[in-house]
Protein backbone atom coordinates (compact mmCIF):
# COMPACT_ATOMS: atom_id res chain seq x y z
CA UNK A 1 -17.60 71.08 6.05
CA UNK A 2 -14.15 69.69 6.08
CA UNK A 3 -13.78 65.98 5.06
CA UNK A 4 -12.18 63.56 7.28
CA UNK A 5 -8.43 62.95 6.57
CA UNK A 6 -7.85 59.31 5.51
CA UNK A 7 -4.42 58.04 6.55
CA UNK A 8 -2.25 57.73 3.56
CA UNK A 9 -1.14 54.15 4.40
CA UNK A 10 -4.86 52.96 3.81
CA UNK A 11 -4.74 54.49 0.30
CA UNK A 12 -1.71 52.54 -0.72
CA UNK A 13 -1.81 49.20 -2.10
CA UNK A 14 0.82 46.82 -0.45
CA UNK A 15 2.05 44.99 -3.63
CA UNK A 16 3.81 42.16 -1.76
CA UNK A 17 0.52 41.45 0.42
CA UNK A 18 -1.57 41.61 -2.81
CA UNK A 19 0.74 39.13 -4.62
CA UNK A 20 0.54 36.69 -1.58
CA UNK A 21 -3.34 36.55 -1.72
CA UNK A 22 -3.18 35.96 -5.44
CA UNK A 23 -0.46 33.41 -5.48
CA UNK A 24 -0.83 31.01 -2.40
CA UNK A 25 1.44 28.42 -4.04
CA UNK A 26 4.36 30.70 -4.86
CA UNK A 27 6.96 28.36 -3.37
CA UNK A 28 5.76 25.27 -5.33
CA UNK A 29 5.48 27.20 -8.38
CA UNK A 30 9.07 28.52 -8.01
CA UNK A 31 10.64 25.19 -6.96
CA UNK A 32 8.89 23.74 -10.21
CA UNK A 33 10.31 26.40 -12.37
CA UNK A 34 13.80 26.07 -11.08
CA UNK A 35 13.65 22.25 -11.60
CA UNK A 36 12.42 22.84 -15.18
CA UNK A 37 15.21 25.55 -15.99
CA UNK A 38 17.99 23.33 -14.36
CA UNK A 39 16.90 20.28 -16.39
CA UNK A 40 16.71 22.14 -19.65
CA UNK A 41 20.24 23.46 -19.03
CA UNK A 42 21.31 20.00 -17.96
CA UNK A 43 19.98 18.28 -21.03
CA UNK A 44 21.96 20.86 -23.15
CA UNK A 45 25.11 20.32 -21.37
CA UNK A 46 24.60 16.61 -21.33
CA UNK A 47 25.04 16.38 -25.12
CA UNK A 48 28.53 17.65 -25.03
CA UNK A 49 29.47 15.09 -22.41
CA UNK A 50 30.81 11.69 -23.13
CA UNK A 51 29.14 8.47 -21.55
CA UNK A 52 32.19 8.16 -19.01
CA UNK A 53 31.85 11.84 -18.02
CA UNK A 54 28.10 11.42 -17.61
CA UNK A 55 28.80 8.62 -15.25
CA UNK A 56 31.20 10.52 -13.33
CA UNK A 57 28.68 13.23 -12.84
CA UNK A 58 26.23 10.75 -11.79
CA UNK A 59 28.49 9.19 -9.03
CA UNK A 60 29.16 12.53 -7.68
CA UNK A 61 25.68 13.30 -7.19
CA UNK A 62 25.28 9.91 -5.70
CA UNK A 63 28.07 10.46 -3.23
CA UNK A 64 26.74 13.85 -2.13
CA UNK A 65 23.33 12.33 -1.85
CA UNK A 66 24.65 9.55 0.45
CA UNK A 67 26.44 12.20 2.67
CA UNK A 68 23.20 14.32 3.07
CA UNK A 69 21.38 11.19 3.84
CA UNK A 70 23.59 9.98 6.58
CA UNK A 71 23.42 13.41 8.03
CA UNK A 72 19.69 13.36 8.01
CA UNK A 73 19.58 9.73 9.27
CA UNK A 74 21.45 10.86 12.63
CA UNK A 75 18.59 13.18 13.44
CA UNK A 76 16.72 10.25 15.00
CA UNK A 77 16.41 9.91 18.72
CA UNK A 78 15.67 6.24 18.31
CA UNK A 79 16.75 4.18 15.62
CA UNK A 80 13.88 1.59 16.31
CA UNK A 81 11.29 4.25 15.30
CA UNK A 82 13.04 4.61 11.90
CA UNK A 83 13.65 0.74 11.32
CA UNK A 84 9.85 0.12 12.15
CA UNK A 85 8.59 3.11 10.10
CA UNK A 86 10.69 2.10 6.88
CA UNK A 87 10.03 -1.67 7.20
CA UNK A 88 6.27 -1.18 7.82
CA UNK A 89 5.98 1.61 5.51
CA UNK A 90 7.80 -0.33 2.55
CA UNK A 91 5.36 -3.20 2.97
CA UNK A 92 2.34 -0.91 3.11
CA UNK A 93 3.61 0.96 0.10
CA UNK A 94 4.14 -2.28 -1.91
CA UNK A 95 0.63 -3.53 -1.00
CA UNK A 96 -1.30 -0.39 -2.10
CA UNK A 97 1.10 -0.19 -5.29
CA UNK A 98 2.87 3.26 -4.92
CA UNK A 99 5.54 1.91 -7.20
CA UNK A 100 3.03 0.66 -9.81
CA UNK A 101 1.29 4.06 -9.62
CA UNK A 102 4.28 6.24 -9.99
CA UNK A 103 5.65 3.95 -12.58
CA UNK A 104 2.33 4.25 -14.57
CA UNK A 105 2.78 7.94 -14.33
CA UNK A 106 6.30 7.82 -15.61
CA UNK A 107 5.26 5.56 -18.58
CA UNK A 108 2.45 7.84 -19.52
CA UNK A 109 4.70 10.89 -19.54
CA UNK A 110 7.43 8.89 -21.41
CA UNK A 111 5.13 7.96 -24.20
CA UNK A 112 3.74 11.41 -24.35
CA UNK A 113 7.31 12.61 -25.07
CA UNK A 114 7.96 10.13 -27.76
CA UNK A 115 8.62 6.91 -26.17
CA UNK A 116 12.16 7.33 -24.75
CA UNK A 117 14.09 4.37 -23.21
CA UNK A 118 13.71 3.13 -19.36
CA UNK A 119 16.12 5.71 -18.48
CA UNK A 120 13.27 8.10 -18.53
CA UNK A 121 11.51 6.20 -15.67
CA UNK A 122 14.68 6.12 -13.53
CA UNK A 123 15.12 9.85 -13.91
CA UNK A 124 11.53 10.63 -13.13
CA UNK A 125 11.46 8.51 -10.01
CA UNK A 126 15.00 9.46 -8.66
CA UNK A 127 14.44 13.12 -8.96
CA UNK A 128 10.88 13.15 -7.95
CA UNK A 129 11.59 11.36 -4.69
CA UNK A 130 14.68 13.32 -4.09
CA UNK A 131 13.20 16.74 -4.51
CA UNK A 132 9.94 16.00 -2.35
CA UNK A 133 11.69 14.08 0.44
CA UNK A 134 13.28 16.22 3.24
CA UNK A 135 12.57 18.70 6.03
CA UNK A 136 12.96 21.74 3.73
CA UNK A 137 9.86 20.50 1.73
CA UNK A 138 7.61 19.88 4.63
CA UNK A 139 8.60 23.16 6.61
CA UNK A 140 8.74 25.28 3.44
CA UNK A 141 5.26 24.38 2.33
CA UNK A 142 3.72 24.91 5.70
CA UNK A 143 5.51 28.35 5.97
CA UNK A 144 4.15 29.11 2.49
CA UNK A 145 0.54 27.92 3.45
CA UNK A 146 0.39 29.64 6.87
CA UNK A 147 2.49 32.83 6.47
CA UNK A 148 2.70 33.04 2.70
CA UNK A 149 6.47 33.30 3.00
CA UNK A 150 8.81 31.38 0.80
CA UNK A 151 12.20 31.78 2.19
CA UNK A 152 12.88 28.09 2.83
CA UNK A 153 11.25 26.92 -0.48
CA UNK A 154 13.20 29.68 -2.16
CA UNK A 155 16.60 28.21 -0.86
CA UNK A 156 15.39 24.78 -1.63
CA UNK A 157 14.42 25.87 -5.26
CA UNK A 158 17.96 27.01 -5.83
CA UNK A 159 19.49 23.75 -4.46
CA UNK A 160 17.16 21.76 -6.73
CA UNK A 161 17.81 23.88 -9.70
CA UNK A 162 21.49 23.24 -9.42
CA UNK A 163 21.08 19.27 -8.98
CA UNK A 164 18.62 19.18 -11.80
CA UNK A 165 21.44 20.46 -13.97
CA UNK A 166 23.72 17.81 -13.06
CA UNK A 167 20.98 14.95 -13.09
CA UNK A 168 19.62 15.94 -16.36
CA UNK A 169 23.24 15.78 -17.79
CA UNK A 170 23.41 12.18 -17.22
CA UNK A 171 21.62 11.07 -20.53
CA UNK A 172 18.84 12.46 -22.71
CA UNK A 173 16.39 9.74 -21.52
CA UNK A 174 17.30 10.43 -17.82
CA UNK A 175 17.39 13.94 -18.15
CA UNK A 176 13.72 13.98 -19.73
CA UNK A 177 12.71 12.06 -16.78
CA UNK A 178 14.19 14.58 -14.34
CA UNK A 179 12.40 17.33 -16.41
CA UNK A 180 9.12 15.63 -16.13
CA UNK A 181 9.51 15.24 -12.46
CA UNK A 182 8.91 18.86 -12.07
CA UNK A 183 5.01 17.94 -12.44
CA UNK A 184 5.35 15.77 -9.32
CA UNK A 185 7.24 18.49 -7.45
CA UNK A 186 4.24 20.74 -8.38
CA UNK A 187 1.68 18.38 -7.07
CA UNK A 188 3.32 17.18 -3.96
CA UNK A 189 4.40 20.61 -2.61
CA UNK A 190 1.02 22.36 -3.56
CA UNK A 191 -0.75 19.55 -1.55
CA UNK A 192 1.52 20.04 1.36
CA UNK A 193 0.95 23.89 1.17
CA UNK A 194 -2.81 23.34 0.98
CA UNK A 195 -2.53 20.97 4.12
CA UNK A 196 -0.25 23.40 6.00
CA UNK A 197 -2.85 23.89 8.81
CA UNK A 198 -3.29 20.29 10.06
CA UNK A 199 0.45 19.58 9.35
CA UNK A 200 1.66 22.42 11.38
CA UNK A 201 2.06 20.37 14.80
CA UNK A 202 4.67 18.35 13.00
CA UNK A 203 6.95 21.25 12.83
CA UNK A 204 6.11 22.47 16.37
CA UNK A 205 7.42 19.37 17.81
CA UNK A 206 11.14 18.96 17.28
CA UNK A 207 11.36 15.35 18.16
CA UNK A 208 8.55 14.56 15.59
CA UNK A 209 10.25 16.52 12.94
CA UNK A 210 13.59 14.87 13.71
CA UNK A 211 12.15 11.35 13.11
CA UNK A 212 10.47 12.47 9.98
CA UNK A 213 13.80 13.97 8.91
CA UNK A 214 15.70 10.62 9.66
CA UNK A 215 12.89 8.59 7.70
CA UNK A 216 13.62 10.91 4.68
CA UNK A 217 17.31 10.30 5.12
CA UNK A 218 16.90 6.47 4.95
CA UNK A 219 14.96 7.05 1.62
CA UNK A 220 17.78 9.33 0.35
CA UNK A 221 20.30 6.97 1.18
CA UNK A 222 18.74 4.31 -1.02
CA UNK A 223 18.37 6.91 -3.73
CA UNK A 224 22.27 7.70 -3.27
CA UNK A 225 23.33 4.11 -3.27
CA UNK A 226 21.23 3.57 -6.34
CA UNK A 227 22.86 6.26 -8.13
CA UNK A 228 26.12 4.75 -7.42
CA UNK A 229 24.78 1.44 -8.85
CA UNK A 230 25.25 -0.53 -5.64
CA UNK A 231 23.59 -3.84 -5.85
CA UNK A 232 20.90 -4.83 -4.77
CA UNK A 233 20.08 -1.27 -3.85
CA UNK A 234 19.86 -0.06 -7.39
CA UNK A 235 16.98 -2.17 -8.33
CA UNK A 236 15.16 -1.43 -5.28
CA UNK A 237 11.96 0.55 -5.72
CA UNK A 238 12.60 3.33 -3.40
CA UNK A 239 9.25 4.98 -3.82
CA UNK A 240 7.47 2.27 -2.02
CA UNK A 241 8.98 3.35 1.16
CA UNK A 242 7.23 6.88 0.91
CA UNK A 243 4.68 5.83 3.89
CA UNK A 244 7.63 5.81 6.17
CA UNK A 245 7.59 9.52 6.09
CA UNK A 246 4.10 9.35 7.64
CA UNK A 247 4.79 6.54 10.06
CA UNK A 248 7.89 7.91 11.62
CA UNK A 249 6.40 11.28 12.97
CA UNK A 250 3.12 9.32 14.03
CA UNK A 251 5.19 6.90 16.04
CA UNK A 252 7.01 9.64 17.66
CA UNK A 253 3.78 11.41 18.49
CA UNK A 254 1.98 8.26 19.80
CA UNK A 255 4.94 6.88 21.80
CA UNK A 256 6.71 9.90 23.14
CA UNK A 257 8.55 7.83 25.64
CA UNK A 258 10.23 5.31 23.33
CA UNK A 259 13.17 7.45 22.54
CA UNK A 260 14.14 8.48 25.96
CA UNK A 261 13.76 4.87 27.25
CA UNK A 262 15.92 3.66 24.57
CA UNK A 263 18.43 6.30 25.09
CA UNK A 264 18.71 5.71 28.89
CA UNK A 265 19.14 1.91 28.28
CA UNK A 266 21.81 2.53 25.93
CA UNK A 267 23.46 4.96 28.35
């Protein structure tokens, strides 16, 4: 009796699919790794730079950050949504102590690494917020969670790795904070990847995504101005505005006519 012939494609294991099942957070892990590698390189380069050159590098990053932030901010269809989200989000963030929680995490990491100066906290918070805010983070994590594809997070990983080189070169303490921010990147992006299914509607609605992008742009603008040492923004706790990233898309979903009404009045 002849045995049934089994199609060869059923006998061959597809390595990419097998890896995807084993590593559901590949994008977050890749992004974390590039930040670590970039930070280590930046710390080594920073030892060769004088303080004046370090300041020039930091200011350059600040200028680029401001430019990206302005572009993101112009994504909004109604500035009132962003103004309300940032203002209300900042108040809520301060009331629930987001700045204290992140500062406590930064202090713990700083003491664990030998008690570096306060530049560590600044590097940790600046890099952490910078790497976790923006549409590529949200869309990339959702893509990884739903489709097991990491194209967007792969591109973001390259960009973050390059920026971490320059950020970490600013000073030993600041650079160590940038290196430690890789842990924050891992936690945030892994969480977003795990929540990909409930967050998917945000990426399906262009207007909602635009408002979330614009809110992130407002935060990045504060970070960029802080890197440029612009008073009083440099002393502003940027992390308290993180709830704005939730309020902006929520307002866009709950009040879909706000943007069109405002635009018609302006016209």
